[in-house]
PDB file of N, CA and C in Angstrom:
ATOM      1  N   GLN A   1     -23.823 -28.159 -61.705  1.00  0.00           N
ATOM      2  CA  GLN A   1     -24.399 -27.046 -61.642  1.00  0.00           C
ATOM      3  C   GLN A   1     -24.450 -27.377 -59.891  1.00  0.00           C
ATOM      4  N   ALA A   2     -24.992 -28.556 -59.796  1.00  0.00           N
ATOM      5  CA  ALA A   2     -25.162 -29.223 -58.171  1.00  0.00           C
ATOM      6  C   ALA A   2     -23.866 -29.138 -57.543  1.00  0.00           C
ATOM      7  N   ALA A   3     -22.444 -29.404 -58.488  1.00  0.00           N
ATOM      8  CA  ALA A   3     -21.419 -29.128 -57.115  1.00  0.00           C
ATOM      9  C   ALA A   3     -21.010 -27.977 -57.160  1.00  0.00           C
ATOM     10  N   ARG A   4     -21.184 -27.117 -58.276  1.00  0.00           N
ATOM     11  CA  ARG A   4     -20.825 -25.315 -57.910  1.00  0.00           C
ATOM     12  C   ARG A   4     -21.659 -25.375 -56.570  1.00  0.00           C
ATOM     13  N   ARG A   5     -23.189 -25.311 -56.619  1.00  0.00           N
ATOM     14  CA  ARG A   5     -23.927 -25.147 -55.719  1.00  0.00           C
ATOM     15  C   ARG A   5     -23.549 -26.017 -54.084  1.00  0.00           C
ATOM     16  N   GLN A   6     -22.878 -27.054 -54.483  1.00  0.00           N
ATOM     17  CA  GLN A   6     -22.372 -27.846 -53.556  1.00  0.00           C
ATOM     18  C   GLN A   6     -20.876 -26.552 -53.025  1.00  0.00           C
ATOM     19  N   ARG A   7     -20.069 -26.829 -54.022  1.00  0.00           N
ATOM     20  CA  ARG A   7     -19.177 -25.547 -53.123  1.00  0.00           C
ATOM     21  C   ARG A   7     -19.222 -24.418 -52.626  1.00  0.00           C
ATOM     22  N   LYS A   8     -20.254 -23.668 -53.324  1.00  0.00           N
ATOM     23  CA  LYS A   8     -20.571 -22.296 -52.651  1.00  0.00           C
ATOM     24  C   LYS A   8     -21.164 -22.331 -50.964  1.00  0.00           C
ATOM     25  N   GLN A   9     -22.156 -23.735 -50.997  1.00  0.00           N
ATOM     26  CA  GLN A   9     -22.601 -23.693 -49.837  1.00  0.00           C
ATOM     27  C   GLN A   9     -21.456 -23.990 -48.740  1.00  0.00           C
ATOM     28  N   GLU A  10     -20.155 -24.806 -49.115  1.00  0.00           N
ATOM     29  CA  GLU A  10     -19.266 -25.198 -48.281  1.00  0.00           C
ATOM     30  C   GLU A  10     -18.832 -24.298 -47.708  1.00  0.00           C
ATOM     31  N   HIS A  11     -18.556 -23.141 -49.050  1.00  0.00           N
ATOM     32  CA  HIS A  11     -17.596 -21.775 -48.507  1.00  0.00           C
ATOM     33  C   HIS A  11     -18.286 -20.976 -47.752  1.00  0.00           C
ATOM     34  N   LEU A  12     -19.408 -20.643 -47.441  1.00  0.00           N
ATOM     35  CA  LEU A  12     -20.073 -20.030 -46.992  1.00  0.00           C
ATOM     36  C   LEU A  12     -20.494 -20.835 -45.342  1.00  0.00           C
ATOM     37  N   ARG A  13     -20.543 -22.374 -45.480  1.00  0.00           N
ATOM     38  CA  ARG A  13     -20.311 -22.751 -44.018  1.00  0.00           C
ATOM     39  C   ARG A  13     -18.871 -22.214 -43.275  1.00  0.00           C
ATOM     40  N   ARG A  14     -17.918 -22.057 -43.922  1.00  0.00           N
ATOM     41  CA  ARG A  14     -16.456 -21.837 -43.620  1.00  0.00           C
ATOM     42  C   ARG A  14     -16.316 -20.534 -43.206  1.00  0.00           C
ATOM     43  N   VAL A  15     -16.944 -19.945 -44.152  1.00  0.00           N
ATOM     44  CA  VAL A  15     -17.011 -18.191 -43.538  1.00  0.00           C
ATOM     45  C   VAL A  15     -18.015 -18.097 -42.467  1.00  0.00           C
ATOM     46  N   GLY A  16     -19.007 -18.325 -42.418  1.00  0.00           N
ATOM     47  CA  GLY A  16     -19.793 -18.405 -41.391  1.00  0.00           C
ATOM     48  C   GLY A  16     -19.143 -19.379 -40.251  1.00  0.00           C
ATOM     49  N   GLU A  17     -18.741 -20.119 -39.963  1.00  0.00           N
ATOM     50  CA  GLU A  17     -17.989 -20.625 -38.852  1.00  0.00           C
ATOM     51  C   GLU A  17     -16.604 -19.535 -38.279  1.00  0.00           C
ATOM     52  N   ASP A  18     -16.007 -19.436 -39.501  1.00  0.00           N
ATOM     53  CA  ASP A  18     -14.812 -18.317 -39.044  1.00  0.00           C
ATOM     54  C   ASP A  18     -15.381 -17.148 -38.048  1.00  0.00           C
ATOM     55  N   MET A  19     -16.457 -16.526 -38.818  1.00  0.00           N
ATOM     56  CA  MET A  19     -17.353 -15.421 -38.371  1.00  0.00           C
ATOM     57  C   MET A  19     -17.864 -15.884 -37.043  1.00  0.00           C
ATOM     58  N   LYS A  20     -18.027 -16.717 -36.624  1.00  0.00           N
ATOM     59  CA  LYS A  20     -18.746 -17.771 -35.119  1.00  0.00           C
ATOM     60  C   LYS A  20     -17.053 -17.244 -34.867  1.00  0.00           C
ATOM     61  N   ARG A  21     -16.455 -17.816 -34.726  1.00  0.00           N
ATOM     62  CA  ARG A  21     -14.762 -18.097 -34.002  1.00  0.00           C
ATOM     63  C   ARG A  21     -14.138 -16.648 -33.994  1.00  0.00           C
ATOM     64  N   ARG A  22     -14.545 -15.571 -34.673  1.00  0.00           N
ATOM     65  CA  ARG A  22     -13.905 -14.255 -34.735  1.00  0.00           C
ATOM     66  C   ARG A  22     -14.859 -13.711 -33.176  1.00  0.00           C
ATOM     67  N   ALA A  23     -16.347 -13.827 -33.495  1.00  0.00           N
ATOM     68  CA  ALA A  23     -17.320 -13.452 -32.329  1.00  0.00           C
ATOM     69  C   ALA A  23     -16.790 -13.454 -30.808  1.00  0.00           C
ATOM     70  N   ILE A  24     -16.396 -15.217 -31.127  1.00  0.00           N
ATOM     71  CA  ILE A  24     -16.335 -16.112 -29.858  1.00  0.00           C
ATOM     72  C   ILE A  24     -15.156 -15.448 -29.426  1.00  0.00           C
ATOM     73  N   LEU A  25     -13.889 -15.581 -30.208  1.00  0.00           N
ATOM     74  CA  LEU A  25     -12.890 -14.786 -29.538  1.00  0.00           C
ATOM     75  C   LEU A  25     -12.570 -12.828 -29.089  1.00  0.00           C
ATOM     76  N   LYS A  26     -13.769 -12.739 -30.057  1.00  0.00           N
ATOM     77  CA  LYS A  26     -13.960 -10.858 -29.502  1.00  0.00           C
ATOM     78  C   LYS A  26     -14.316 -10.719 -27.796  1.00  0.00           C
ATOM     79  N   ASP A  27     -15.402 -11.862 -27.713  1.00  0.00           N
ATOM     80  CA  ASP A  27     -16.240 -12.100 -26.459  1.00  0.00           C
ATOM     81  C   ASP A  27     -15.026 -12.607 -25.095  1.00  0.00           C
ATOM     82  N   ARG A  28     -14.602 -13.036 -25.455  1.00  0.00           N
ATOM     83  CA  ARG A  28     -13.503 -13.839 -24.390  1.00  0.00           C
ATOM     84  C   ARG A  28     -12.327 -12.952 -24.133  1.00  0.00           C
ATOM     85  N   LYS A  29     -12.048 -11.987 -24.830  1.00  0.00           N
ATOM     86  CA  LYS A  29     -11.134 -11.176 -24.884  1.00  0.00           C
ATOM     87  C   LYS A  29     -12.013  -9.788 -24.155  1.00  0.00           C
ATOM     88  N   ARG A  30     -13.132  -9.716 -24.364  1.00  0.00           N
ATOM     89  CA  ARG A  30     -13.576  -8.352 -23.793  1.00  0.00           C
ATOM     90  C   ARG A  30     -13.919  -8.950 -22.010  1.00  0.00           C
ATOM     91  N   ILE A  31     -14.498 -10.271 -22.062  1.00  0.00           N
ATOM     92  CA  ILE A  31     -14.873 -10.514 -20.711  1.00  0.00           C
ATOM     93  C   ILE A  31     -13.338 -10.646 -19.893  1.00  0.00           C
ATOM     94  N   GLU A  32     -12.176 -11.402 -20.784  1.00  0.00           N
ATOM     95  CA  GLU A  32     -11.056 -11.426 -20.154  1.00  0.00           C
ATOM     96  C   GLU A  32     -10.576  -9.889 -19.450  1.00  0.00           C
ATOM     97  N   GLY A  33     -10.883  -8.973 -20.238  1.00  0.00           N
ATOM     98  CA  GLY A  33     -10.490  -7.403 -19.984  1.00  0.00           C
ATOM     99  C   GLY A  33     -11.287  -7.245 -18.915  1.00  0.00           C
ATOM    100  N   LYS A  34     -12.281  -7.290 -18.453  1.00  0.00           N
ATOM    101  CA  LYS A  34     -12.771  -6.966 -17.612  1.00  0.00           C
ATOM    102  C   LYS A  34     -12.533  -8.063 -15.964  1.00  0.00           C
ATOM    103  N   VAL A  35     -12.194  -8.664 -16.018  1.00  0.00           N
ATOM    104  CA  VAL A  35     -12.118  -9.491 -14.899  1.00  0.00           C
ATOM    105  C   VAL A  35     -10.179  -9.112 -14.577  1.00  0.00           C
ATOM    106  N   ASN A  36      -9.635  -8.961 -15.661  1.00  0.00           N
ATOM    107  CA  ASN A  36      -8.281  -8.550 -15.284  1.00  0.00           C
ATOM    108  C   ASN A  36      -8.339  -7.350 -14.566  1.00  0.00           C
ATOM    109  N   GLU A  37      -9.365  -6.194 -15.099  1.00  0.00           N
ATOM    110  CA  GLU A  37      -9.243  -4.811 -14.883  1.00  0.00           C
ATOM    111  C   GLU A  37     -10.194  -5.358 -13.295  1.00  0.00           C
ATOM    112  N   ALA A  38     -10.939  -6.011 -13.278  1.00  0.00           N
ATOM    113  CA  ALA A  38     -11.529  -6.222 -11.797  1.00  0.00           C
ATOM    114  C   ALA A  38     -10.413  -6.033 -10.545  1.00  0.00           C
ATOM    115  N   VAL A  39      -9.792  -7.531 -11.019  1.00  0.00           N
ATOM    116  CA  VAL A  39      -8.302  -8.245 -10.459  1.00  0.00           C
ATOM    117  C   VAL A  39      -7.668  -6.864 -10.305  1.00  0.00           C
ATOM    118  N   GLU A  40      -7.043  -5.945 -11.546  1.00  0.00           N
ATOM    119  CA  GLU A  40      -6.167  -4.825 -11.246  1.00  0.00           C
ATOM    120  C   GLU A  40      -7.005  -4.228  -9.911  1.00  0.00           C
ATOM    121  N   MET A  41      -7.797  -3.894  -9.790  1.00  0.00           N
ATOM    122  CA  MET A  41      -8.573  -2.497  -8.865  1.00  0.00           C
ATOM    123  C   MET A  41      -8.584  -3.412  -7.311  1.00  0.00           C
ATOM    124  N   ALA A  42      -8.744  -4.443  -7.498  1.00  0.00           N
ATOM    125  CA  ALA A  42      -8.742  -5.277  -6.154  1.00  0.00           C
ATOM    126  C   ALA A  42      -7.683  -4.953  -5.409  1.00  0.00           C
ATOM    127  N   ARG A  43      -6.319  -5.417  -6.312  1.00  0.00           N
ATOM    128  CA  ARG A  43      -4.857  -4.764  -5.981  1.00  0.00           C
ATOM    129  C   ARG A  43      -4.612  -3.791  -5.477  1.00  0.00           C
ATOM    130  N   ARG A  44      -4.891  -2.629  -6.589  1.00  0.00           N
ATOM    131  CA  ARG A  44      -4.753  -1.466  -6.085  1.00  0.00           C
ATOM    132  C   ARG A  44      -5.246  -1.224  -4.903  1.00  0.00           C
ATOM    133  N   SER A  45      -6.591  -1.395  -4.668  1.00  0.00           N
ATOM    134  CA  SER A  45      -7.691  -0.904  -3.117  1.00  0.00           C
ATOM    135  C   SER A  45      -6.808  -1.476  -1.936  1.00  0.00           C
ATOM    136  N   LYS A  46      -6.284  -2.619  -2.253  1.00  0.00           N
ATOM    137  CA  LYS A  46      -5.355  -3.547  -1.408  1.00  0.00           C
ATOM    138  C   LYS A  46      -4.053  -2.900  -0.823  1.00  0.00           C
ATOM    139  N   MET A  47      -3.741  -2.292  -1.710  1.00  0.00           N
ATOM    140  CA  MET A  47      -2.201  -1.625  -1.761  1.00  0.00           C
ATOM    141  C   MET A  47      -2.533  -0.091  -1.110  1.00  0.00           C
ATOM    142  N   LYS A  48      -3.591   0.647  -1.460  1.00  0.00           N
ATOM    143  CA  LYS A  48      -4.500   1.824  -0.733  1.00  0.00           C
ATOM    144  C   LYS A  48      -4.399   1.932   0.426  1.00  0.00           C
ATOM    145  N   ARG A  49      -4.924   0.496   0.831  1.00  0.00           N
ATOM    146  CA  ARG A  49      -5.584   0.340   2.477  1.00  0.00           C
ATOM    147  C   ARG A  49      -4.180  -0.155   3.140  1.00  0.00           C
ATOM    148  N   ARG A  50      -3.464  -0.641   2.740  1.00  0.00           N
ATOM    149  CA  ARG A  50      -1.917  -0.744   3.334  1.00  0.00           C
ATOM    150  C   ARG A  50      -1.594   0.551   3.748  1.00  0.00           C
ATOM    151  N   ARG A  51      -1.142   1.378   2.448  1.00  0.00           N
ATOM    152  CA  ARG A  51      -0.445   2.482   2.563  1.00  0.00           C
ATOM    153  C   ARG A  51      -1.416   3.210   3.752  1.00  0.00           C
ATOM    154  N   LEU A  52      -2.898   3.702   3.788  1.00  0.00           N
ATOM    155  CA  LEU A  52      -3.286   4.229   4.659  1.00  0.00           C
ATOM    156  C   LEU A  52      -3.444   3.853   5.832  1.00  0.00           C
ATOM    157  N   PHE A  53      -3.033   2.553   6.144  1.00  0.00           N
ATOM    158  CA  PHE A  53      -2.893   2.097   7.690  1.00  0.00           C
ATOM    159  C   PHE A  53      -1.683   2.654   8.391  1.00  0.00           C
ATOM    160  N   TRP A  54      -0.381   2.388   7.403  1.00  0.00           N
ATOM    161  CA  TRP A  54       0.663   2.615   7.634  1.00  0.00           C
ATOM    162  C   TRP A  54       1.032   4.115   7.580  1.00  0.00           C
ATOM    163  N   LEU A  55       0.301   4.955   7.060  1.00  0.00           N
ATOM    164  CA  LEU A  55       0.426   6.532   6.963  1.00  0.00           C
ATOM    165  C   LEU A  55      -0.258   6.709   8.332  1.00  0.00           C
ATOM    166  N   ARG A  56      -1.261   5.754   8.935  1.00  0.00           N
ATOM    167  CA  ARG A  56      -2.076   6.499  10.224  1.00  0.00           C
ATOM    168  C   ARG A  56      -0.818   5.710  11.216  1.00  0.00           C
ATOM    169  N   ARG A  57      -0.127   4.638  11.125  1.00  0.00           N
ATOM    170  CA  ARG A  57       0.248   4.346  12.266  1.00  0.00           C
ATOM    171  C   ARG A  57       1.372   5.373  12.418  1.00  0.00           C
ATOM    172  N   MET A  58       2.331   6.140  10.752  1.00  0.00           N
ATOM    173  CA  MET A  58       3.094   6.212  11.620  1.00  0.00           C
ATOM    174  C   MET A  58       2.978   8.116  12.072  1.00  0.00           C
ATOM    175  N   GLU A  59       1.570   8.451  11.824  1.00  0.00           N
ATOM    176  CA  GLU A  59       1.069   9.767  12.266  1.00  0.00           C
ATOM    177  C   GLU A  59       0.897   9.380  14.029  1.00  0.00           C
ATOM    178  N   ASN A  60       0.236   8.491  14.259  1.00  0.00           N
ATOM    179  CA  ASN A  60       0.112   8.139  15.861  1.00  0.00           C
ATOM    180  C   ASN A  60       1.837   7.731  16.506  1.00  0.00           C
ATOM    181  N   LEU A  61       2.610   7.059  15.828  1.00  0.00           N
ATOM    182  CA  LEU A  61       4.062   7.274  16.072  1.00  0.00           C
ATOM    183  C   LEU A  61       4.440   8.686  16.265  1.00  0.00           C
ATOM    184  N   SER A  62       4.269   9.458  15.485  1.00  0.00           N
ATOM    185  CA  SER A  62       4.817  10.765  15.225  1.00  0.00           C
ATOM    186  C   SER A  62       4.784  11.351  16.405  1.00  0.00           C
ATOM    187  N   LYS A  63       3.223  11.103  17.229  1.00  0.00           N
ATOM    188  CA  LYS A  63       3.154  11.679  18.328  1.00  0.00           C
ATOM    189  C   LYS A  63       3.994  11.393  19.672  1.00  0.00           C
ATOM    190  N   LEU A  64       4.476  10.189  19.512  1.00  0.00           N
ATOM    191  CA  LEU A  64       5.124  10.047  20.406  1.00  0.00           C
ATOM    192  C   LEU A  64       6.459   9.868  20.523  1.00  0.00           C
ATOM    193  N   ILE A  65       7.319  10.529  19.028  1.00  0.00           N
ATOM    194  CA  ILE A  65       9.191  10.851  19.031  1.00  0.00           C
ATOM    195  C   ILE A  65       8.886  12.075  19.461  1.00  0.00           C
ATOM    196  N   ALA A  66       9.973  12.626  19.886  1.00  0.00           N
ATOM    197  CA  ALA A  66      10.489  13.993  20.272  1.00  0.00           C
ATOM    198  C   ALA A  66      11.153  14.171  19.269  1.00  0.00           C
ATOM    199  N   SER A  67      10.854  15.527  18.839  1.00  0.00           N
ATOM    200  CA  SER A  67      11.658  16.346  17.760  1.00  0.00           C
ATOM    201  C   SER A  67      11.894  17.402  18.243  1.00  0.00           C
ATOM    202  N   SER A  68      12.716  18.520  17.362  1.00  0.00           N
ATOM    203  CA  SER A  68      12.742  19.778  17.307  1.00  0.00           C
ATOM    204  C   SER A  68      11.458  20.256  17.894  1.00  0.00           C
ATOM    205  N   ASP A  69      10.487  20.061  16.665  1.00  0.00           N
ATOM    206  CA  ASP A  69       9.002  20.515  16.520  1.00  0.00           C
ATOM    207  C   ASP A  69       8.329  20.540  17.661  1.00  0.00           C
ATOM    208  N   ASN A  70       8.563  19.485  18.541  1.00  0.00           N
ATOM    209  CA  ASN A  70       7.347  19.134  19.794  1.00  0.00           C
ATOM    210  C   ASN A  70       8.316  18.934  20.861  1.00  0.00           C
ATOM    211  N   LEU A  71       9.654  19.371  21.330  1.00  0.00           N
ATOM    212  CA  LEU A  71      10.243  19.163  22.081  1.00  0.00           C
ATOM    213  C   LEU A  71      10.113  19.759  23.008  1.00  0.00           C
ATOM    214  N   ASP A  72       9.365  21.141  23.135  1.00  0.00           N
ATOM    215  CA  ASP A  72       8.951  21.291  24.574  1.00  0.00           C
ATOM    216  C   ASP A  72       7.529  20.813  24.822  1.00  0.00           C
ATOM    217  N   GLU A  73       6.670  20.293  24.030  1.00  0.00           N
ATOM    218  CA  GLU A  73       5.808  19.689  25.192  1.00  0.00           C
ATOM    219  C   GLU A  73       6.125  18.086  25.307  1.00  0.00           C
ATOM    220  N   ALA A  74       7.027  17.501  24.552  1.00  0.00           N
ATOM    221  CA  ALA A  74       7.609  16.272  25.226  1.00  0.00           C
ATOM    222  C   ALA A  74       8.247  16.586  26.684  1.00  0.00           C
ATOM    223  N   MET A  75       8.707  17.531  26.658  1.00  0.00           N
ATOM    224  CA  MET A  75       9.579  18.034  28.141  1.00  0.00           C
ATOM    225  C   MET A  75       8.636  18.020  28.936  1.00  0.00           C
ATOM    226  N   ALA A  76       7.536  18.919  28.756  1.00  0.00           N
ATOM    227  CA  ALA A  76       6.820  19.455  29.792  1.00  0.00           C
ATOM    228  C   ALA A  76       5.726  18.231  30.097  1.00  0.00           C
ATOM    229  N   ALA A  77       5.550  17.408  29.013  1.00  0.00           N
ATOM    230  CA  ALA A  77       5.042  15.509  29.617  1.00  0.00           C
ATOM    231  C   ALA A  77       5.838  15.094  30.807  1.00  0.00           C
ATOM    232  N   ILE A  78       7.139  15.548  31.011  1.00  0.00           N
ATOM    233  CA  ILE A  78       8.047  14.601  31.499  1.00  0.00           C
ATOM    234  C   ILE A  78       7.965  15.017  33.166  1.00  0.00           C
ATOM    235  N   PRO A  79       7.454  14.191  33.984  1.00  0.00           N
ATOM    236  CA  PRO A  79       7.391  14.428  35.542  1.00  0.00           C
ATOM    237  C   PRO A  79       8.727  14.681  35.797  1.00  0.00           C
ATOM    238  N   GLY A  80       8.685  16.220  36.773  1.00  0.00           N
ATOM    239  CA  GLY A  80      10.112  16.870  37.292  1.00  0.00           C
ATOM    240  C   GLY A  80      10.848  16.050  38.077  1.00  0.00           C
ATOM    241  N   GLU A  81      10.620  14.834  38.852  1.00  0.00           N
ATOM    242  CA  GLU A  81      11.378  13.988  39.342  1.00  0.00           C
ATOM    243  C   GLU A  81      12.367  13.271  38.407  1.00  0.00           C
ATOM    244  N   LEU A  82      12.065  12.774  37.318  1.00  0.00           N
ATOM    245  CA  LEU A  82      12.492  12.081  36.211  1.00  0.00           C
ATOM    246  C   LEU A  82      13.747  12.563  35.869  1.00  0.00           C
ATOM    247  N   LEU A  83      13.573  14.200  35.887  1.00  0.00           N
ATOM    248  CA  LEU A  83      15.196  14.690  35.350  1.00  0.00           C
ATOM    249  C   LEU A  83      15.917  14.989  36.136  1.00  0.00           C
ATOM    250  N   GLN A  84      16.830  14.433  35.508  1.00  0.00           N
ATOM    251  CA  GLN A  84      18.145  14.204  36.459  1.00  0.00           C
ATOM    252  C   GLN A  84      19.221  15.679  37.034  1.00  0.00           C
ATOM    253  N   ALA A  85      19.170  15.744  38.280  1.00  0.00           N
ATOM    254  CA  ALA A  85      19.453  17.353  38.870  1.00  0.00           C
ATOM    255  C   ALA A  85      20.734  17.603  38.646  1.00  0.00           C
ATOM    256  N   GLY A  86      21.731  16.740  37.765  1.00  0.00           N
ATOM    257  CA  GLY A  86      23.206  16.973  37.766  1.00  0.00           C
ATOM    258  C   GLY A  86      23.038  17.739  36.562  1.00  0.00           C
ATOM    259  N   GLY A  87      22.382  18.470  35.881  1.00  0.00           N
ATOM    260  CA  GLY A  87      22.475  19.745  34.807  1.00  0.00           C
ATOM    261  C   GLY A  87      21.781  19.231  33.854  1.00  0.00           C
ATOM    262  N   SER A  88      21.427  17.949  33.104  1.00  0.00           N
ATOM    263  CA  SER A  88      21.152  17.063  32.013  1.00  0.00           C
ATOM    264  C   SER A  88      19.756  17.583  31.829  1.00  0.00           C
ATOM    265  N   SER A  89      19.295  17.905  31.041  1.00  0.00           N
ATOM    266  CA  SER A  89      17.873  17.947  30.867  1.00  0.00           C
ATOM    267  C   SER A  89      17.303  16.906  30.119  1.00  0.00           C
ATOM    268  N   LEU A  90      17.413  15.727  29.713  1.00  0.00           N
ATOM    269  CA  LEU A  90      17.200  14.651  29.722  1.00  0.00           C
ATOM    270  C   LEU A  90      16.756  13.696  30.876  1.00  0.00           C
ATOM    271  N   PRO A  91      15.702  13.387  30.228  1.00  0.00           N
ATOM    272  CA  PRO A  91      14.784  12.463  31.120  1.00  0.00           C
ATOM    273  C   PRO A  91      15.738  11.055  31.019  1.00  0.00           C
ATOM    274  N   ALA A  92      15.504  10.284  32.480  1.00  0.00           N
ATOM    275  CA  ALA A  92      16.162   8.882  32.652  1.00  0.00           C
ATOM    276  C   ALA A  92      15.198   7.679  31.686  1.00  0.00           C
ATOM    277  N   LEU A  93      16.697   7.319  30.998  1.00  0.00           N
ATOM    278  CA  LEU A  93      15.774   6.004  29.875  1.00  0.00           C
ATOM    279  C   LEU A  93      15.708   4.703  30.810  1.00  0.00           C
ATOM    280  N   ASP A  94      14.356   4.327  30.316  1.00  0.00           N
ATOM    281  CA  ASP A  94      14.544   2.599  30.910  1.00  0.00           C
ATOM    282  C   ASP A  94      15.590   1.985  30.255  1.00  0.00           C
ATOM    283  N   SER A  95      15.530   0.668  30.629  1.00  0.00           N
ATOM    284  CA  SER A  95      16.254  -0.213  30.435  1.00  0.00           C
ATOM    285  C   SER A  95      17.274  -0.600  29.052  1.00  0.00           C
ATOM    286  N   SER A  96      15.875  -0.200  28.351  1.00  0.00           N
ATOM    287  CA  SER A  96      15.998  -0.305  26.452  1.00  0.00           C
ATOM    288  C   SER A  96      16.774   0.464  26.368  1.00  0.00           C
ATOM    289  N   GLY A  97      16.952   1.764  26.923  1.00  0.00           N
ATOM    290  CA  GLY A  97      17.688   3.144  26.460  1.00  0.00           C
ATOM    291  C   GLY A  97      17.082   4.081  25.740  1.00  0.00           C
ATOM    292  N   SER A  98      16.421   3.332  24.786  1.00  0.00           N
ATOM    293  CA  SER A  98      15.653   4.238  23.792  1.00  0.00           C
ATOM    294  C   SER A  98      14.079   5.094  24.158  1.00  0.00           C
ATOM    295  N   GLN A  99      14.014   4.914  25.210  1.00  0.00           N
ATOM    296  CA  GLN A  99      12.428   5.149  25.435  1.00  0.00           C
ATOM    297  C   GLN A  99      12.392   5.857  27.068  1.00  0.00           C
ATOM    298  N   SER A 100      11.857   7.087  26.931  1.00  0.00           N
ATOM    299  CA  SER A 100      11.704   7.498  28.468  1.00  0.00           C
ATOM    300  C   SER A 100      10.308   7.058  29.298  1.00  0.00           C
ATOM    301  N   SER A 101      10.651   6.755  30.634  1.00  0.00           N
ATOM    302  CA  SER A 101       9.790   6.465  31.223  1.00  0.00           C
ATOM    303  C   SER A 101       7.941   7.092  30.866  1.00  0.00           C
ATOM    304  N   THR A 102       7.946   7.977  30.254  1.00  0.00           N
ATOM    305  CA  THR A 102       6.458   8.253  29.666  1.00  0.00           C
ATOM    306  C   THR A 102       6.152   8.027  28.815  1.00  0.00           C
ATOM    307  N   GLY A 103       7.175   7.087  28.037  1.00  0.00           N
ATOM    308  CA  GLY A 103       6.660   6.488  26.291  1.00  0.00           C
ATOM    309  C   GLY A 103       6.850   7.464  25.575  1.00  0.00           C
ATOM    310  N   VAL A 104       7.391   8.444  25.897  1.00  0.00           N
ATOM    311  CA  VAL A 104       8.286   9.436  24.279  1.00  0.00           C
ATOM    312  C   VAL A 104       9.582   9.039  24.072  1.00  0.00           C
ATOM    313  N   PHE A 105       9.770   8.938  22.627  1.00  0.00           N
ATOM    314  CA  PHE A 105      11.157   8.384  22.043  1.00  0.00           C
ATOM    315  C   PHE A 105      11.853   9.607  21.959  1.00  0.00           C
ATOM    316  N   LEU A 106      13.268   9.263  22.228  1.00  0.00           N
ATOM    317  CA  LEU A 106      13.722  10.660  21.755  1.00  0.00           C
ATOM    318  C   LEU A 106      14.565  10.307  20.464  1.00  0.00           C
ATOM    319  N   SER A 107      14.173  11.441  20.069  1.00  0.00           N
ATOM    320  CA  SER A 107      14.735  11.125  18.326  1.00  0.00           C
ATOM    321  C   SER A 107      16.601  11.738  18.283  1.00  0.00           C
ATOM    322  N   ARG A 108      17.236  10.728  17.671  1.00  0.00           N
ATOM    323  CA  ARG A 108      18.403  10.575  17.719  1.00  0.00           C
ATOM    324  C   ARG A 108      18.997  11.148  16.592  1.00  0.00           C
ATOM    325  N   ASN A 109      18.128  11.075  15.446  1.00  0.00           N
ATOM    326  CA  ASN A 109      18.781  11.413  14.016  1.00  0.00           C
ATOM    327  C   ASN A 109      20.131  10.764  13.503  1.00  0.00           C
ATOM    328  N   VAL A 110      19.835   9.529  13.736  1.00  0.00           N
ATOM    329  CA  VAL A 110      21.098   8.318  13.081  1.00  0.00           C
ATOM    330  C   VAL A 110      21.011   8.063  11.835  1.00  0.00           C
ATOM    331  N   SER A 111      22.106   8.248  11.276  1.00  0.00           N
ATOM    332  CA  SER A 111      21.817   7.841   9.797  1.00  0.00           C
ATOM    333  C   SER A 111      22.340   6.463   9.356  1.00  0.00           C
ATOM    334  N   VAL A 112      21.279   6.146   8.300  1.00  0.00           N
ATOM    335  CA  VAL A 112      21.537   4.664   8.140  1.00  0.00           C
ATOM    336  C   VAL A 112      22.451   4.206   6.550  1.00  0.00           C
ATOM    337  N   PRO A 113      23.338   4.040   6.560  1.00  0.00           N
ATOM    338  CA  PRO A 113      24.171   3.555   5.180  1.00  0.00           C
ATOM    339  C   PRO A 113      23.420   2.983   4.371  1.00  0.00           C
ATOM    340  N   PHE A 114      22.888   2.905   3.281  1.00  0.00           N
ATOM    341  CA  PHE A 114      22.211   1.755   2.329  1.00  0.00           C
ATOM    342  C   PHE A 114      23.320   1.334   1.207  1.00  0.00           C
TER     343      PHE A 114
END
């Protein structure tokens, strides 16, 4: 009978250890999930900030680019003496050939093959 009691206590001890191990594993997984969630949220926030910064930069650049929508405003901003008298209504380009002396970029609608 003592041996039987000994086996029963051994079995209960093993069951208790197994329950402890499972509880620890469950807690670890819960904590790991929260940490992963925080890391993922930080990564998403960083990407959102990058995208917002890029969007604001594009909005600011769009104010400098002359397109069919804002061509009249862009041409009005160019001083009259910069316009060529030979019939061309385009402003004189600087040495790079892409930007007028007023800082307005002229949109050339060049397609780029990918």
